[in-house]
Amino acid sequence: MESEAKIVDLIVSCVEKTSSETLDKNPENDKKLKRSLRSRARELPSELFSRGLAYVLAYISSRGSLRIIEAGLKADSCDQMLNTIKDSGKLSETEFGYSVYGAILLLSLKKAGVVRGNKLSEVIREAMAKPEVEIAAQAYAEWIKRFVEAYIEE
């Protein structure tokens, strides 16, 4: 279980690396992918507060790539998570934004020791059974939002 400071450092590191990586050879498409992450980071915390983590995870998995979202549960680092994203092939802007947001959030929850599951379905069950998962997710979502707003331009 990592300290709060280490989790915040992990989040900023993931956002910083995502913002600086070239994710598409076409510079305009690369910007669009990153803007999609920015949109999701601004939109999803309010959904998290009003509907809960289980709903948000189900929602992002319906709009994104389950493989990438679950990379947040299986990766040991941001670099490993980003490699999974880059190896996954071309994603639409929408898929990218939802998937990367979900992966960063799940990586944070996993590293914090708040969730134990390695599959999205297991984390959804944990979120519904343990209030501490919800509380941590809300805090991390706000950190993700602030760092994405700082590192990724509109």
N, C-alpha and C. Protein backbone atom coordinates (compact mmCIF):
# COMPACT_ATOMS: atom_id res chain seq x y z
N MET A 1 0.84 -1.19 0.00
CA MET A 1 0.00 0.00 0.00
C MET A 1 0.89 1.24 0.00
N GLU A 2 0.66 2.10 -0.95
CA GLU A 2 1.45 3.32 -1.11
C GLU A 2 0.82 4.48 -0.34
N SER A 3 1.65 5.45 0.01
CA SER A 3 1.15 6.65 0.69
C SER A 3 0.40 7.53 -0.30
N GLU A 4 -0.38 8.43 0.23
CA GLU A 4 -1.14 9.37 -0.61
C GLU A 4 -0.19 10.18 -1.50
N ALA A 5 0.92 10.62 -0.95
CA ALA A 5 1.89 11.40 -1.73
C ALA A 5 2.44 10.59 -2.90
N LYS A 6 2.69 9.30 -2.69
CA LYS A 6 3.20 8.46 -3.77
C LYS A 6 2.14 8.23 -4.85
N ILE A 7 0.89 8.16 -4.46
CA ILE A 7 -0.18 7.98 -5.43
C ILE A 7 -0.34 9.25 -6.26
N VAL A 8 -0.29 10.40 -5.62
CA VAL A 8 -0.36 11.66 -6.37
C VAL A 8 0.82 11.77 -7.32
N ASP A 9 1.99 11.37 -6.87
CA ASP A 9 3.18 11.37 -7.74
C ASP A 9 2.98 10.42 -8.91
N LEU A 10 2.38 9.28 -8.67
CA LEU A 10 2.09 8.33 -9.74
C LEU A 10 1.13 8.94 -10.76
N ILE A 11 0.09 9.60 -10.28
CA ILE A 11 -0.89 10.22 -11.17
C ILE A 11 -0.24 11.29 -12.03
N VAL A 12 0.53 12.18 -11.41
CA VAL A 12 1.16 13.24 -12.20
C VAL A 12 2.15 12.66 -13.19
N SER A 13 2.85 11.62 -12.80
CA SER A 13 3.79 10.96 -13.70
C SER A 13 3.06 10.36 -14.91
N CYS A 14 1.95 9.68 -14.67
CA CYS A 14 1.17 9.08 -15.76
C CYS A 14 0.64 10.16 -16.70
N VAL A 15 0.12 11.22 -16.16
CA VAL A 15 -0.43 12.30 -16.98
C VAL A 15 0.69 12.99 -17.76
N GLU A 16 1.79 13.26 -17.09
CA GLU A 16 2.92 13.91 -17.74
C GLU A 16 3.45 13.06 -18.90
N LYS A 17 3.62 11.77 -18.66
CA LYS A 17 4.13 10.87 -19.71
C LYS A 17 3.13 10.75 -20.86
N THR A 18 1.86 10.65 -20.54
CA THR A 18 0.84 10.56 -21.59
C THR A 18 0.84 11.82 -22.43
N SER A 19 0.98 12.97 -21.78
CA SER A 19 0.95 14.24 -22.53
C SER A 19 2.18 14.43 -23.39
N SER A 20 3.31 13.86 -23.00
CA SER A 20 4.56 14.07 -23.75
C SER A 20 4.84 12.98 -24.79
N GLU A 21 4.17 11.84 -24.69
CA GLU A 21 4.36 10.76 -25.66
C GLU A 21 3.73 11.12 -27.00
N THR A 22 4.33 10.65 -28.06
CA THR A 22 3.72 10.75 -29.38
C THR A 22 2.88 9.50 -29.57
N LEU A 23 1.58 9.68 -29.56
CA LEU A 23 0.65 8.55 -29.59
C LEU A 23 0.11 8.29 -30.99
N ASP A 24 0.27 9.26 -31.86
CA ASP A 24 -0.13 9.11 -33.25
C ASP A 24 0.88 9.87 -34.10
N LYS A 25 1.30 9.29 -35.20
CA LYS A 25 2.31 9.92 -36.06
C LYS A 25 1.82 11.24 -36.64
N ASN A 26 0.53 11.35 -36.84
CA ASN A 26 -0.05 12.59 -37.33
C ASN A 26 -0.21 13.55 -36.14
N PRO A 27 0.49 14.69 -36.14
CA PRO A 27 0.44 15.60 -34.99
C PRO A 27 -0.97 16.08 -34.64
N GLU A 28 -1.82 16.29 -35.65
CA GLU A 28 -3.19 16.74 -35.37
C GLU A 28 -3.99 15.63 -34.66
N ASN A 29 -3.84 14.40 -35.10
CA ASN A 29 -4.52 13.28 -34.44
C ASN A 29 -4.00 13.09 -33.03
N ASP A 30 -2.69 13.26 -32.84
CA ASP A 30 -2.09 13.14 -31.52
C ASP A 30 -2.73 14.15 -30.56
N LYS A 31 -2.90 15.38 -31.02
CA LYS A 31 -3.55 16.42 -30.19
C LYS A 31 -4.99 16.04 -29.87
N LYS A 32 -5.69 15.49 -30.86
CA LYS A 32 -7.09 15.10 -30.65
C LYS A 32 -7.22 13.99 -29.61
N LEU A 33 -6.31 13.03 -29.64
CA LEU A 33 -6.33 11.96 -28.65
C LEU A 33 -6.15 12.54 -27.25
N LYS A 34 -5.20 13.43 -27.10
CA LYS A 34 -4.92 14.02 -25.79
C LYS A 34 -6.05 14.92 -25.33
N ARG A 35 -6.66 15.64 -26.26
CA ARG A 35 -7.82 16.47 -25.90
C ARG A 35 -8.98 15.61 -25.42
N SER A 36 -9.10 14.42 -26.00
CA SER A 36 -10.15 13.51 -25.57
C SER A 36 -9.94 13.09 -24.12
N LEU A 37 -8.69 12.82 -23.76
CA LEU A 37 -8.39 12.51 -22.35
C LEU A 37 -8.75 13.70 -21.47
N ARG A 38 -8.42 14.89 -21.92
CA ARG A 38 -8.75 16.09 -21.15
C ARG A 38 -10.26 16.21 -20.95
N SER A 39 -11.02 15.96 -21.99
CA SER A 39 -12.49 16.03 -21.89
C SER A 39 -13.01 15.02 -20.87
N ARG A 40 -12.49 13.79 -20.94
CA ARG A 40 -12.94 12.76 -20.00
C ARG A 40 -12.55 13.12 -18.57
N ALA A 41 -11.36 13.64 -18.39
CA ALA A 41 -10.90 13.99 -17.04
C ALA A 41 -11.73 15.11 -16.45
N ARG A 42 -12.27 15.96 -17.28
CA ARG A 42 -13.12 17.05 -16.79
C ARG A 42 -14.56 16.58 -16.56
N GLU A 43 -15.01 15.63 -17.34
CA GLU A 43 -16.40 15.17 -17.29
C GLU A 43 -16.65 14.13 -16.19
N LEU A 44 -15.75 13.19 -16.04
CA LEU A 44 -16.04 12.00 -15.24
C LEU A 44 -16.05 12.18 -13.72
N PRO A 45 -15.30 13.12 -13.14
CA PRO A 45 -15.41 13.26 -11.68
C PRO A 45 -16.84 13.58 -11.21
N SER A 46 -17.58 14.39 -11.96
CA SER A 46 -18.95 14.68 -11.53
C SER A 46 -19.83 13.44 -11.63
N GLU A 47 -19.59 12.62 -12.65
CA GLU A 47 -20.31 11.34 -12.76
C GLU A 47 -19.96 10.42 -11.59
N LEU A 48 -18.70 10.44 -11.22
CA LEU A 48 -18.23 9.62 -10.10
C LEU A 48 -18.92 10.03 -8.81
N PHE A 49 -19.03 11.35 -8.58
CA PHE A 49 -19.68 11.84 -7.37
C PHE A 49 -21.18 11.56 -7.37
N SER A 50 -21.82 11.67 -8.52
CA SER A 50 -23.28 11.51 -8.55
C SER A 50 -23.74 10.07 -8.74
N ARG A 51 -22.99 9.26 -9.49
CA ARG A 51 -23.45 7.91 -9.79
C ARG A 51 -22.60 6.81 -9.17
N GLY A 52 -21.38 7.13 -8.79
CA GLY A 52 -20.53 6.14 -8.14
C GLY A 52 -19.52 5.49 -9.07
N LEU A 53 -18.51 4.89 -8.46
CA LEU A 53 -17.41 4.29 -9.20
C LEU A 53 -17.86 3.11 -10.06
N ALA A 54 -18.71 2.25 -9.52
CA ALA A 54 -19.15 1.08 -10.29
C ALA A 54 -19.80 1.52 -11.61
N TYR A 55 -20.66 2.52 -11.54
CA TYR A 55 -21.30 3.02 -12.76
C TYR A 55 -20.26 3.61 -13.72
N VAL A 56 -19.37 4.43 -13.21
CA VAL A 56 -18.36 5.07 -14.06
C VAL A 56 -17.49 4.03 -14.74
N LEU A 57 -17.09 3.00 -14.02
CA LEU A 57 -16.27 1.95 -14.62
C LEU A 57 -17.03 1.21 -15.73
N ALA A 58 -18.30 0.93 -15.47
CA ALA A 58 -19.12 0.27 -16.50
C ALA A 58 -19.27 1.20 -17.72
N TYR A 59 -19.47 2.47 -17.46
CA TYR A 59 -19.64 3.44 -18.54
C TYR A 59 -18.37 3.58 -19.38
N ILE A 60 -17.23 3.76 -18.73
CA ILE A 60 -16.00 3.94 -19.50
C ILE A 60 -15.63 2.67 -20.26
N SER A 61 -15.96 1.52 -19.70
CA SER A 61 -15.65 0.28 -20.41
C SER A 61 -16.55 0.11 -21.64
N SER A 62 -17.74 0.69 -21.60
CA SER A 62 -18.62 0.63 -22.76
C SER A 62 -18.18 1.59 -23.87
N ARG A 63 -17.44 2.62 -23.52
CA ARG A 63 -17.01 3.62 -24.48
C ARG A 63 -15.54 3.47 -24.88
N GLY A 64 -14.78 2.73 -24.09
CA GLY A 64 -13.35 2.59 -24.34
C GLY A 64 -12.96 1.15 -24.63
N SER A 65 -11.69 0.88 -24.42
CA SER A 65 -11.14 -0.46 -24.64
C SER A 65 -10.91 -1.14 -23.30
N LEU A 66 -11.61 -2.24 -23.09
CA LEU A 66 -11.47 -2.98 -21.83
C LEU A 66 -10.03 -3.40 -21.59
N ARG A 67 -9.34 -3.81 -22.64
CA ARG A 67 -7.95 -4.24 -22.52
C ARG A 67 -7.07 -3.11 -21.96
N ILE A 68 -7.27 -1.91 -22.46
CA ILE A 68 -6.47 -0.78 -21.99
C ILE A 68 -6.88 -0.37 -20.58
N ILE A 69 -8.16 -0.34 -20.32
CA ILE A 69 -8.62 0.02 -18.98
C ILE A 69 -8.05 -0.95 -17.96
N GLU A 70 -8.12 -2.24 -18.25
CA GLU A 70 -7.58 -3.25 -17.33
C GLU A 70 -6.05 -3.22 -17.24
N ALA A 71 -5.40 -2.58 -18.20
CA ALA A 71 -3.94 -2.42 -18.12
C ALA A 71 -3.56 -1.66 -16.85
N GLY A 72 -4.45 -0.80 -16.40
CA GLY A 72 -4.21 -0.09 -15.15
C GLY A 72 -4.16 -1.01 -13.94
N LEU A 73 -4.83 -2.14 -14.03
CA LEU A 73 -4.83 -3.11 -12.93
C LEU A 73 -3.65 -4.07 -13.02
N LYS A 74 -3.13 -4.24 -14.22
CA LYS A 74 -2.08 -5.24 -14.44
C LYS A 74 -0.69 -4.64 -14.53
N ALA A 75 -0.59 -3.36 -14.80
CA ALA A 75 0.70 -2.70 -14.96
C ALA A 75 1.35 -2.43 -13.61
N ASP A 76 2.68 -2.46 -13.62
CA ASP A 76 3.43 -2.11 -12.42
C ASP A 76 3.83 -0.65 -12.41
N SER A 77 3.70 0.01 -13.56
CA SER A 77 4.14 1.40 -13.67
C SER A 77 3.37 2.10 -14.79
N CYS A 78 3.52 3.41 -14.83
CA CYS A 78 2.93 4.19 -15.92
C CYS A 78 3.54 3.79 -17.25
N ASP A 79 4.84 3.56 -17.27
CA ASP A 79 5.51 3.18 -18.51
C ASP A 79 4.93 1.88 -19.06
N GLN A 80 4.73 0.91 -18.20
CA GLN A 80 4.16 -0.37 -18.63
C GLN A 80 2.74 -0.17 -19.16
N MET A 81 1.96 0.67 -18.48
CA MET A 81 0.60 0.96 -18.91
C MET A 81 0.62 1.64 -20.28
N LEU A 82 1.51 2.63 -20.47
CA LEU A 82 1.61 3.33 -21.75
C LEU A 82 2.06 2.40 -22.88
N ASN A 83 2.93 1.46 -22.57
CA ASN A 83 3.34 0.49 -23.59
C ASN A 83 2.16 -0.34 -24.06
N THR A 84 1.30 -0.73 -23.13
CA THR A 84 0.09 -1.47 -23.49
C THR A 84 -0.79 -0.63 -24.40
N ILE A 85 -0.90 0.66 -24.08
CA ILE A 85 -1.71 1.56 -24.89
C ILE A 85 -1.13 1.68 -26.29
N LYS A 86 0.18 1.90 -26.38
CA LYS A 86 0.82 2.05 -27.69
C LYS A 86 0.76 0.76 -28.51
N ASP A 87 0.83 -0.38 -27.84
CA ASP A 87 0.80 -1.67 -28.54
C ASP A 87 -0.61 -2.10 -28.96
N SER A 88 -1.60 -1.39 -28.48
CA SER A 88 -2.99 -1.80 -28.73
C SER A 88 -3.48 -1.45 -30.12
N GLY A 89 -2.72 -0.69 -30.85
CA GLY A 89 -3.16 -0.29 -32.18
C GLY A 89 -3.94 1.01 -32.14
N LYS A 90 -4.50 1.35 -33.27
CA LYS A 90 -5.19 2.63 -33.40
C LYS A 90 -6.51 2.62 -32.65
N LEU A 91 -6.70 3.66 -31.85
CA LEU A 91 -7.96 3.86 -31.13
C LEU A 91 -8.61 5.13 -31.62
N SER A 92 -9.92 5.18 -31.57
CA SER A 92 -10.61 6.43 -31.88
C SER A 92 -10.34 7.40 -30.73
N GLU A 93 -10.62 8.67 -30.98
CA GLU A 93 -10.44 9.67 -29.92
C GLU A 93 -11.25 9.29 -28.68
N THR A 94 -12.48 8.91 -28.90
CA THR A 94 -13.37 8.56 -27.79
C THR A 94 -12.82 7.37 -27.00
N GLU A 95 -12.46 6.32 -27.71
CA GLU A 95 -11.90 5.13 -27.04
C GLU A 95 -10.66 5.50 -26.24
N PHE A 96 -9.80 6.29 -26.83
CA PHE A 96 -8.56 6.68 -26.17
C PHE A 96 -8.84 7.42 -24.87
N GLY A 97 -9.67 8.44 -24.93
CA GLY A 97 -9.94 9.26 -23.75
C GLY A 97 -10.50 8.45 -22.58
N TYR A 98 -11.52 7.66 -22.86
CA TYR A 98 -12.13 6.84 -21.81
C TYR A 98 -11.17 5.77 -21.29
N SER A 99 -10.46 5.13 -22.20
CA SER A 99 -9.57 4.03 -21.82
C SER A 99 -8.42 4.50 -20.96
N VAL A 100 -7.77 5.56 -21.37
CA VAL A 100 -6.60 6.05 -20.63
C VAL A 100 -7.03 6.61 -19.28
N TYR A 101 -8.14 7.32 -19.26
CA TYR A 101 -8.65 7.81 -17.98
C TYR A 101 -8.89 6.65 -17.02
N GLY A 102 -9.57 5.63 -17.52
CA GLY A 102 -9.86 4.46 -16.69
C GLY A 102 -8.61 3.75 -16.22
N ALA A 103 -7.63 3.62 -17.12
CA ALA A 103 -6.38 2.94 -16.76
C ALA A 103 -5.62 3.70 -15.68
N ILE A 104 -5.56 5.02 -15.79
CA ILE A 104 -4.86 5.82 -14.77
C ILE A 104 -5.58 5.71 -13.44
N LEU A 105 -6.90 5.81 -13.46
CA LEU A 105 -7.67 5.72 -12.22
C LEU A 105 -7.49 4.34 -11.56
N LEU A 106 -7.56 3.28 -12.34
CA LEU A 106 -7.41 1.93 -11.78
C LEU A 106 -5.98 1.66 -11.31
N LEU A 107 -4.99 2.16 -12.04
CA LEU A 107 -3.60 2.01 -11.59
C LEU A 107 -3.41 2.69 -10.24
N SER A 108 -3.99 3.85 -10.08
CA SER A 108 -3.91 4.59 -8.81
C SER A 108 -4.56 3.82 -7.67
N LEU A 109 -5.76 3.31 -7.92
CA LEU A 109 -6.47 2.55 -6.88
C LEU A 109 -5.73 1.27 -6.52
N LYS A 110 -5.16 0.61 -7.52
CA LYS A 110 -4.42 -0.63 -7.29
C LYS A 110 -3.15 -0.36 -6.48
N LYS A 111 -2.39 0.66 -6.89
CA LYS A 111 -1.14 0.98 -6.19
C LYS A 111 -1.40 1.47 -4.76
N ALA A 112 -2.55 2.09 -4.55
CA ALA A 112 -2.91 2.54 -3.21
C ALA A 112 -3.31 1.38 -2.31
N GLY A 113 -3.54 0.22 -2.91
CA GLY A 113 -3.97 -0.94 -2.14
C GLY A 113 -5.44 -0.93 -1.80
N VAL A 114 -6.19 -0.07 -2.47
CA VAL A 114 -7.62 0.07 -2.20
C VAL A 114 -8.41 -1.02 -2.90
N VAL A 115 -7.94 -1.44 -4.08
CA VAL A 115 -8.57 -2.55 -4.79
C VAL A 115 -7.55 -3.66 -4.99
N ARG A 116 -8.06 -4.87 -5.09
CA ARG A 116 -7.17 -6.04 -5.25
C ARG A 116 -7.39 -6.75 -6.57
N GLY A 117 -8.53 -6.55 -7.18
CA GLY A 117 -8.88 -7.28 -8.40
C GLY A 117 -7.94 -6.99 -9.56
N ASN A 118 -7.87 -7.96 -10.47
CA ASN A 118 -7.09 -7.80 -11.69
C ASN A 118 -7.98 -7.69 -12.93
N LYS A 119 -9.28 -7.74 -12.71
CA LYS A 119 -10.25 -7.60 -13.78
C LYS A 119 -11.23 -6.50 -13.41
N LEU A 120 -11.75 -5.83 -14.42
CA LEU A 120 -12.69 -4.74 -14.18
C LEU A 120 -13.89 -5.22 -13.37
N SER A 121 -14.42 -6.39 -13.69
CA SER A 121 -15.59 -6.89 -12.98
C SER A 121 -15.32 -7.07 -11.49
N GLU A 122 -14.11 -7.49 -11.15
CA GLU A 122 -13.75 -7.65 -9.74
C GLU A 122 -13.70 -6.30 -9.03
N VAL A 123 -13.17 -5.30 -9.70
CA VAL A 123 -13.09 -3.96 -9.10
C VAL A 123 -14.48 -3.35 -8.94
N ILE A 124 -15.36 -3.60 -9.91
CA ILE A 124 -16.73 -3.10 -9.78
C ILE A 124 -17.40 -3.71 -8.55
N ARG A 125 -17.19 -5.00 -8.33
CA ARG A 125 -17.75 -5.64 -7.13
C ARG A 125 -17.17 -5.04 -5.86
N GLU A 126 -15.86 -4.79 -5.87
CA GLU A 126 -15.21 -4.17 -4.71
C GLU A 126 -15.77 -2.77 -4.46
N ALA A 127 -15.96 -2.01 -5.53
CA ALA A 127 -16.47 -0.64 -5.40
C ALA A 127 -17.86 -0.63 -4.78
N MET A 128 -18.67 -1.63 -5.11
CA MET A 128 -20.02 -1.69 -4.58
C MET A 128 -20.06 -2.18 -3.13
N ALA A 129 -19.02 -2.88 -2.70
CA ALA A 129 -19.01 -3.47 -1.36
C ALA A 129 -18.21 -2.66 -0.34
N LYS A 130 -17.26 -1.86 -0.81
CA LYS A 130 -16.36 -1.17 0.12
C LYS A 130 -16.39 0.34 -0.10
N PRO A 131 -16.95 1.09 0.84
CA PRO A 131 -17.03 2.55 0.70
C PRO A 131 -15.67 3.23 0.54
N GLU A 132 -14.62 2.64 1.09
CA GLU A 132 -13.29 3.26 0.99
C GLU A 132 -12.79 3.30 -0.46
N VAL A 133 -13.26 2.39 -1.28
CA VAL A 133 -12.89 2.40 -2.70
C VAL A 133 -13.48 3.64 -3.36
N GLU A 134 -14.73 3.90 -3.07
CA GLU A 134 -15.43 5.07 -3.62
C GLU A 134 -14.75 6.38 -3.19
N ILE A 135 -14.41 6.46 -1.93
CA ILE A 135 -13.78 7.67 -1.39
C ILE A 135 -12.43 7.91 -2.06
N ALA A 136 -11.63 6.87 -2.17
CA ALA A 136 -10.32 7.01 -2.82
C ALA A 136 -10.47 7.39 -4.29
N ALA A 137 -11.42 6.76 -4.98
CA ALA A 137 -11.63 7.05 -6.40
C ALA A 137 -12.00 8.51 -6.63
N GLN A 138 -12.84 9.05 -5.75
CA GLN A 138 -13.23 10.45 -5.89
C GLN A 138 -12.03 11.37 -5.72
N ALA A 139 -11.19 11.07 -4.76
CA ALA A 139 -10.00 11.90 -4.54
C ALA A 139 -9.05 11.80 -5.73
N TYR A 140 -8.80 10.59 -6.21
CA TYR A 140 -7.87 10.42 -7.33
C TYR A 140 -8.41 11.02 -8.61
N ALA A 141 -9.72 10.97 -8.80
CA ALA A 141 -10.33 11.56 -9.99
C ALA A 141 -10.08 13.07 -10.03
N GLU A 142 -10.16 13.70 -8.88
CA GLU A 142 -9.89 15.15 -8.82
C GLU A 142 -8.42 15.44 -9.14
N TRP A 143 -7.51 14.61 -8.63
CA TRP A 143 -6.09 14.79 -8.95
C TRP A 143 -5.86 14.60 -10.45
N ILE A 144 -6.44 13.57 -11.01
CA ILE A 144 -6.28 13.33 -12.45
C ILE A 144 -6.78 14.54 -13.23
N LYS A 145 -7.94 15.02 -12.87
CA LYS A 145 -8.53 16.18 -13.55
C LYS A 145 -7.58 17.37 -13.52
N ARG A 146 -7.07 17.71 -12.37
CA ARG A 146 -6.21 18.88 -12.24
C ARG A 146 -4.91 18.74 -13.03
N PHE A 147 -4.30 17.56 -12.97
CA PHE A 147 -3.05 17.37 -13.69
C PHE A 147 -3.27 17.34 -15.20
N VAL A 148 -4.35 16.73 -15.65
CA VAL A 148 -4.65 16.71 -17.08
C VAL A 148 -4.90 18.13 -17.57
N GLU A 149 -5.63 18.92 -16.80
CA GLU A 149 -5.86 20.31 -17.19
C GLU A 149 -4.55 21.10 -17.27
N ALA A 150 -3.62 20.76 -16.40
CA ALA A 150 -2.32 21.46 -16.41
C ALA A 150 -1.43 21.02 -17.55
N TYR A 151 -1.42 19.73 -17.88
CA TYR A 151 -0.47 19.21 -18.86
C TYR A 151 -0.99 19.13 -20.29
N ILE A 152 -2.29 19.08 -20.47
CA ILE A 152 -2.85 18.92 -21.83
C ILE A 152 -3.66 20.16 -22.18
N GLU A 153 -3.23 20.84 -23.23
CA GLU A 153 -3.90 22.07 -23.65
C GLU A 153 -5.20 21.75 -24.35
N GLU A 154 -6.11 22.72 -24.30
CA GLU A 154 -7.39 22.58 -24.99
C GLU A 154 -7.21 22.64 -26.48
